[in-house]
Structure formats: structure tokens, C-alpha cells
Protein backbone atom coordinates (compact mmCIF):
# COMPACT_ATOMS: atom_id res chain seq x y z
CA MET A 1 7.20 -0.31 33.23
CA GLU A 2 5.62 3.29 30.41
CA LYS A 3 3.43 2.49 28.20
CA LEU A 4 3.68 4.00 24.83
CA VAL A 5 1.80 5.72 22.92
CA GLY A 6 -0.29 3.35 20.35
CA GLU A 7 0.80 0.65 22.05
CA GLY A 8 -1.35 -1.84 21.48
CA VAL A 9 -4.17 -0.25 18.93
CA GLY A 10 -4.98 -2.28 16.28
CA PHE A 11 -4.96 -0.63 13.19
CA GLU A 12 -6.94 -1.40 8.89
CA ARG A 13 -5.10 -0.80 6.47
CA ILE A 14 -6.70 1.76 3.61
CA ARG A 15 -6.83 2.46 0.01
CA ARG A 16 -7.47 4.46 -2.81
CA VAL A 17 -8.95 3.31 -5.66
CA THR A 18 -10.32 4.96 -7.60
CA GLY A 19 -10.95 7.52 -5.31
CA TYR A 20 -12.33 5.10 -3.00
CA LEU A 21 -11.07 4.14 0.27
CA SER A 22 -11.72 0.88 1.03
CA GLY A 23 -9.51 -1.35 4.08
CA ASP A 24 -10.30 -4.38 1.63
CA VAL A 25 -11.62 -4.82 -1.22
CA LYS A 26 -13.17 -8.04 -0.66
CA ARG A 27 -16.95 -6.61 -1.60
CA PHE A 28 -14.60 -4.82 -4.69
CA ASN A 29 -16.41 -5.76 -8.86
CA ASN A 30 -12.86 -7.30 -11.24
CA GLY A 31 -12.37 -3.88 -12.89
CA LYS A 32 -11.01 -2.98 -9.39
CA ARG A 33 -9.41 -5.17 -8.15
CA ALA A 34 -7.85 -5.45 -10.68
CA GLU A 35 -6.68 -1.77 -10.69
CA GLU A 36 -5.37 -2.45 -7.70
CA LYS A 37 -3.01 -5.05 -8.66
CA ASP A 38 -1.62 -3.05 -11.28
CA ARG A 39 -0.96 0.57 -9.82
CA VAL A 40 2.00 0.99 -9.30
CA LYS A 41 3.84 0.72 -5.60
CA HIS A 42 5.85 3.46 -4.71
CA THR A 43 7.12 1.90 -2.00
CA GLY A 44 11.08 1.20 -1.72
CA ILE A 45 11.91 3.12 -5.26
CA LYS A 46 15.63 4.14 -4.06
CA GLU A 47 16.48 0.26 -3.87
CA VAL A 48 14.91 0.79 -7.15
CA MET A 49 16.24 3.65 -9.01
CA ALA A 50 19.85 2.47 -7.02
CA GLN A 51 19.75 -1.32 -8.78
CA GLU A 52 18.83 1.72 -12.31
CA LYS A 53 21.79 2.90 -11.98
CA CYS A 54 23.81 0.18 -11.58
CA ALA A 55 22.67 -1.85 -14.81
CA LYS A 56 23.56 1.39 -16.82
């Protein structure tokens, strides 16, 4: 059986908060944690736009 490229390779989510790249927010202070929480998420934007269009 042929092994796929990247198969079995772990990865860690990288976030950008106030210009800093970080794998997690454990060491961030409350201000940076709040910024990450309040940030606008751009995933699923098509679904949001479709819902707004239907609501009009």
C-alpha cells in the first residue's frame, strides 16, 4: 500500500494575535486572550452570507 504525502505527520495550529505567532494561548495575558476570543473568524463566510441574504 502506498503511503500518502504527509500521512502520520502531526501538526499544531498556529495563531496570530497582535502580530505574534503562537501555537496556543496558555502563556498570553488576559488582554491577548480576550483579543483572540473576540477576533472575527472568517471560516464559513459563505454560509453566513447566505443566511443574511435569506433574512432580507
